[in-house]
Amino acid sequence: MAHVPRRPLFYLGVLSSGFVLGGFLSALLRRVLPAGAPREVLTFSVTPQLGPVSVDLLVVSFTVGPIGITVGVLAVVGVVLAYLLARSLF
């Protein structure tokens, strides 16, 4: 089989579906696992934020932010699972 280069939308789709899958797994395990070390490790996440950013264009001014993304252990696992699944399908 010939090696076909992947398009950027393919990787964007894999990343976004992986983060969604990881977020779902994290929310599920928060509800299912009892309080303890495994729950704390598997549901650990970091949320970097950017903002607020103010723009003043003399006619109109607006403020955007803060914008943040939550990255957790299971989000990384979800991205890896999505990549492996997409690689095996395509």
N, C-alpha and C. Protein backbone atom coordinates (compact mmCIF):
# COMPACT_ATOMS: atom_id res chain seq x y z
N MET A 1 0.84 -1.17 0.00
CA MET A 1 0.00 0.00 0.00
C MET A 1 0.89 1.24 0.00
N ALA A 2 0.58 2.21 -0.82
CA ALA A 2 1.36 3.43 -0.91
C ALA A 2 1.10 4.31 0.30
N HIS A 3 2.15 5.00 0.72
CA HIS A 3 2.02 5.90 1.86
C HIS A 3 1.47 7.24 1.38
N VAL A 4 0.30 7.61 1.88
CA VAL A 4 -0.36 8.85 1.50
C VAL A 4 -0.17 9.85 2.63
N PRO A 5 0.36 11.05 2.34
CA PRO A 5 0.53 12.05 3.41
C PRO A 5 -0.83 12.51 3.95
N ARG A 6 -0.88 12.68 5.25
CA ARG A 6 -2.12 13.09 5.90
C ARG A 6 -2.32 14.60 5.76
N ARG A 7 -3.54 14.99 5.69
CA ARG A 7 -3.88 16.41 5.60
C ARG A 7 -4.01 16.99 7.01
N PRO A 8 -3.82 18.30 7.16
CA PRO A 8 -3.93 18.92 8.49
C PRO A 8 -5.31 18.74 9.12
N LEU A 9 -6.36 18.70 8.32
CA LEU A 9 -7.70 18.48 8.89
C LEU A 9 -7.83 17.10 9.51
N PHE A 10 -7.12 16.12 8.96
CA PHE A 10 -7.12 14.78 9.55
C PHE A 10 -6.57 14.84 10.97
N TYR A 11 -5.42 15.49 11.14
CA TYR A 11 -4.81 15.58 12.46
C TYR A 11 -5.65 16.44 13.41
N LEU A 12 -6.25 17.49 12.91
CA LEU A 12 -7.13 18.31 13.74
C LEU A 12 -8.35 17.50 14.19
N GLY A 13 -8.90 16.71 13.31
CA GLY A 13 -10.03 15.85 13.67
C GLY A 13 -9.65 14.80 14.70
N VAL A 14 -8.46 14.21 14.54
CA VAL A 14 -7.99 13.21 15.51
C VAL A 14 -7.77 13.86 16.87
N LEU A 15 -7.15 15.04 16.90
CA LEU A 15 -6.93 15.73 18.17
C LEU A 15 -8.23 16.10 18.86
N SER A 16 -9.15 16.68 18.10
CA SER A 16 -10.40 17.11 18.72
C SER A 16 -11.23 15.92 19.19
N SER A 17 -11.30 14.87 18.39
CA SER A 17 -12.06 13.69 18.84
C SER A 17 -11.37 13.03 20.02
N GLY A 18 -10.05 13.05 20.06
CA GLY A 18 -9.33 12.49 21.20
C GLY A 18 -9.57 13.27 22.48
N PHE A 19 -9.58 14.60 22.39
CA PHE A 19 -9.87 15.41 23.57
C PHE A 19 -11.30 15.20 24.06
N VAL A 20 -12.24 15.06 23.13
CA VAL A 20 -13.63 14.80 23.53
C VAL A 20 -13.74 13.44 24.20
N LEU A 21 -13.10 12.42 23.61
CA LEU A 21 -13.12 11.09 24.20
C LEU A 21 -12.46 11.09 25.57
N GLY A 22 -11.33 11.77 25.70
CA GLY A 22 -10.66 11.86 27.00
C GLY A 22 -11.47 12.61 28.04
N GLY A 23 -12.14 13.67 27.63
CA GLY A 23 -13.01 14.39 28.55
C GLY A 23 -14.18 13.54 29.02
N PHE A 24 -14.74 12.76 28.09
CA PHE A 24 -15.82 11.86 28.46
C PHE A 24 -15.34 10.80 29.45
N LEU A 25 -14.17 10.21 29.18
CA LEU A 25 -13.62 9.20 30.10
C LEU A 25 -13.33 9.79 31.47
N SER A 26 -12.80 11.01 31.50
CA SER A 26 -12.50 11.66 32.77
C SER A 26 -13.77 11.93 33.58
N ALA A 27 -14.80 12.44 32.91
CA ALA A 27 -16.07 12.70 33.61
C ALA A 27 -16.71 11.41 34.10
N LEU A 28 -16.60 10.36 33.31
CA LEU A 28 -17.16 9.06 33.71
C LEU A 28 -16.44 8.51 34.93
N LEU A 29 -15.10 8.58 34.91
CA LEU A 29 -14.35 8.04 36.04
C LEU A 29 -14.50 8.88 37.30
N ARG A 30 -14.76 10.18 37.17
CA ARG A 30 -15.03 11.00 38.36
C ARG A 30 -16.29 10.53 39.07
N ARG A 31 -17.26 10.07 38.30
CA ARG A 31 -18.52 9.60 38.90
C ARG A 31 -18.41 8.17 39.41
N VAL A 32 -17.63 7.33 38.74
CA VAL A 32 -17.61 5.90 39.05
C VAL A 32 -16.61 5.54 40.13
N LEU A 33 -15.40 6.08 40.05
CA LEU A 33 -14.34 5.69 40.99
C LEU A 33 -14.59 6.28 42.38
N PRO A 34 -14.30 5.51 43.41
CA PRO A 34 -14.40 6.07 44.77
C PRO A 34 -13.22 7.01 45.02
N ALA A 35 -13.37 7.85 46.04
CA ALA A 35 -12.31 8.80 46.38
C ALA A 35 -11.06 8.03 46.77
N GLY A 36 -9.93 8.48 46.24
CA GLY A 36 -8.66 7.82 46.54
C GLY A 36 -7.61 8.20 45.51
N ALA A 37 -6.48 7.54 45.61
CA ALA A 37 -5.34 7.86 44.75
C ALA A 37 -5.61 7.59 43.26
N PRO A 38 -6.21 6.45 42.89
CA PRO A 38 -6.45 6.22 41.45
C PRO A 38 -7.35 7.29 40.83
N ARG A 39 -8.36 7.71 41.57
CA ARG A 39 -9.25 8.75 41.05
C ARG A 39 -8.50 10.07 40.88
N GLU A 40 -7.66 10.42 41.84
CA GLU A 40 -6.91 11.67 41.77
C GLU A 40 -5.92 11.66 40.61
N VAL A 41 -5.26 10.55 40.38
CA VAL A 41 -4.26 10.47 39.30
C VAL A 41 -4.93 10.48 37.94
N LEU A 42 -5.98 9.69 37.77
CA LEU A 42 -6.61 9.56 36.45
C LEU A 42 -7.43 10.79 36.06
N THR A 43 -7.91 11.54 37.02
CA THR A 43 -8.73 12.70 36.69
C THR A 43 -7.98 14.02 36.88
N PHE A 44 -6.67 13.97 37.08
CA PHE A 44 -5.86 15.18 37.21
C PHE A 44 -5.84 15.93 35.88
N SER A 45 -6.00 17.26 35.95
CA SER A 45 -5.98 18.07 34.73
C SER A 45 -5.38 19.44 35.02
N VAL A 46 -4.90 20.07 33.96
CA VAL A 46 -4.30 21.40 34.02
C VAL A 46 -5.05 22.28 33.02
N THR A 47 -5.35 23.53 33.42
CA THR A 47 -6.08 24.44 32.54
C THR A 47 -5.28 25.72 32.34
N PRO A 48 -4.47 25.80 31.27
CA PRO A 48 -3.82 27.07 30.97
C PRO A 48 -4.83 28.04 30.35
N GLN A 49 -4.69 29.32 30.66
CA GLN A 49 -5.64 30.32 30.15
C GLN A 49 -4.92 31.47 29.48
N LEU A 50 -5.59 32.06 28.52
CA LEU A 50 -5.09 33.23 27.82
C LEU A 50 -6.16 34.30 27.90
N GLY A 51 -5.78 35.48 28.35
CA GLY A 51 -6.74 36.57 28.33
C GLY A 51 -6.94 37.20 29.67
N PRO A 52 -7.78 38.15 29.78
CA PRO A 52 -8.59 38.74 28.72
C PRO A 52 -7.76 39.67 27.83
N VAL A 53 -8.15 39.75 26.57
CA VAL A 53 -7.47 40.58 25.58
C VAL A 53 -8.44 41.68 25.16
N SER A 54 -8.03 42.94 25.32
CA SER A 54 -8.87 44.07 24.95
C SER A 54 -8.37 44.68 23.64
N VAL A 55 -9.30 44.98 22.74
CA VAL A 55 -8.97 45.61 21.46
C VAL A 55 -9.81 46.88 21.34
N ASP A 56 -9.14 48.01 21.11
CA ASP A 56 -9.81 49.30 20.94
C ASP A 56 -9.50 49.83 19.54
N LEU A 57 -10.50 49.88 18.66
CA LEU A 57 -10.32 50.31 17.28
C LEU A 57 -10.91 51.69 17.03
N LEU A 58 -11.03 52.51 18.05
CA LEU A 58 -11.59 53.86 18.03
C LEU A 58 -13.08 53.87 17.75
N VAL A 59 -13.55 53.10 16.80
CA VAL A 59 -14.98 53.05 16.49
C VAL A 59 -15.68 52.01 17.37
N VAL A 60 -15.01 50.92 17.56
CA VAL A 60 -15.57 49.84 18.36
C VAL A 60 -14.46 49.25 19.22
N SER A 61 -14.81 48.83 20.41
CA SER A 61 -13.84 48.17 21.28
C SER A 61 -14.50 46.93 21.87
N PHE A 62 -13.69 45.90 22.05
CA PHE A 62 -14.22 44.66 22.61
C PHE A 62 -13.14 43.96 23.41
N THR A 63 -13.58 43.06 24.26
CA THR A 63 -12.70 42.27 25.10
C THR A 63 -13.04 40.80 24.90
N VAL A 64 -12.00 40.01 24.67
CA VAL A 64 -12.17 38.57 24.48
C VAL A 64 -11.40 37.87 25.59
N GLY A 65 -12.03 36.89 26.21
CA GLY A 65 -11.29 36.07 27.16
C GLY A 65 -11.96 35.97 28.50
N PRO A 66 -11.41 35.27 29.38
CA PRO A 66 -10.25 34.41 29.21
C PRO A 66 -10.62 33.12 28.45
N ILE A 67 -9.69 32.64 27.66
CA ILE A 67 -9.87 31.42 26.88
C ILE A 67 -8.94 30.37 27.48
N GLY A 68 -9.47 29.19 27.77
CA GLY A 68 -8.66 28.14 28.37
C GLY A 68 -9.01 26.78 27.80
N ILE A 69 -8.09 25.86 27.91
CA ILE A 69 -8.32 24.48 27.49
C ILE A 69 -7.86 23.59 28.63
N THR A 70 -8.66 22.60 28.95
CA THR A 70 -8.33 21.68 30.02
C THR A 70 -7.69 20.44 29.43
N VAL A 71 -6.48 20.17 29.87
CA VAL A 71 -5.74 18.99 29.40
C VAL A 71 -5.51 18.09 30.60
N GLY A 72 -5.98 16.88 30.51
CA GLY A 72 -5.82 15.93 31.59
C GLY A 72 -5.14 14.66 31.13
N VAL A 73 -4.89 13.79 32.07
CA VAL A 73 -4.24 12.51 31.77
C VAL A 73 -5.09 11.71 30.79
N LEU A 74 -6.38 11.64 31.03
CA LEU A 74 -7.24 10.86 30.15
C LEU A 74 -7.46 11.54 28.81
N ALA A 75 -7.26 12.85 28.72
CA ALA A 75 -7.34 13.52 27.42
C ALA A 75 -6.19 13.07 26.54
N VAL A 76 -5.01 12.93 27.11
CA VAL A 76 -3.86 12.43 26.35
C VAL A 76 -4.10 10.98 25.94
N VAL A 77 -4.66 10.19 26.84
CA VAL A 77 -5.00 8.79 26.49
C VAL A 77 -6.04 8.77 25.38
N GLY A 78 -7.00 9.66 25.43
CA GLY A 78 -8.02 9.74 24.37
C GLY A 78 -7.43 10.11 23.03
N VAL A 79 -6.47 11.03 23.01
CA VAL A 79 -5.82 11.41 21.75
C VAL A 79 -5.05 10.23 21.18
N VAL A 80 -4.34 9.49 22.02
CA VAL A 80 -3.59 8.32 21.55
C VAL A 80 -4.54 7.27 21.01
N LEU A 81 -5.65 7.02 21.72
CA LEU A 81 -6.63 6.03 21.24
C LEU A 81 -7.27 6.47 19.92
N ALA A 82 -7.59 7.74 19.80
CA ALA A 82 -8.18 8.24 18.55
C ALA A 82 -7.19 8.12 17.40
N TYR A 83 -5.91 8.41 17.65
CA TYR A 83 -4.90 8.30 16.61
C TYR A 83 -4.74 6.85 16.16
N LEU A 84 -4.67 5.93 17.13
CA LEU A 84 -4.52 4.52 16.77
C LEU A 84 -5.73 4.00 15.99
N LEU A 85 -6.91 4.42 16.39
CA LEU A 85 -8.12 4.01 15.69
C LEU A 85 -8.16 4.59 14.28
N ALA A 86 -7.83 5.87 14.15
CA ALA A 86 -7.85 6.50 12.83
C ALA A 86 -6.77 5.90 11.92
N ARG A 87 -5.62 5.59 12.47
CA ARG A 87 -4.56 4.99 11.68
C ARG A 87 -4.93 3.60 11.19
N SER A 88 -5.65 2.86 12.02
CA SER A 88 -6.04 1.51 11.60
C SER A 88 -7.19 1.55 10.57
N LEU A 89 -8.02 2.60 10.62
CA LEU A 89 -9.14 2.70 9.68
C LEU A 89 -8.72 3.28 8.34
N PHE A 90 -7.80 4.22 8.34
CA PHE A 90 -7.42 4.91 7.11
C PHE A 90 -6.05 4.50 6.70
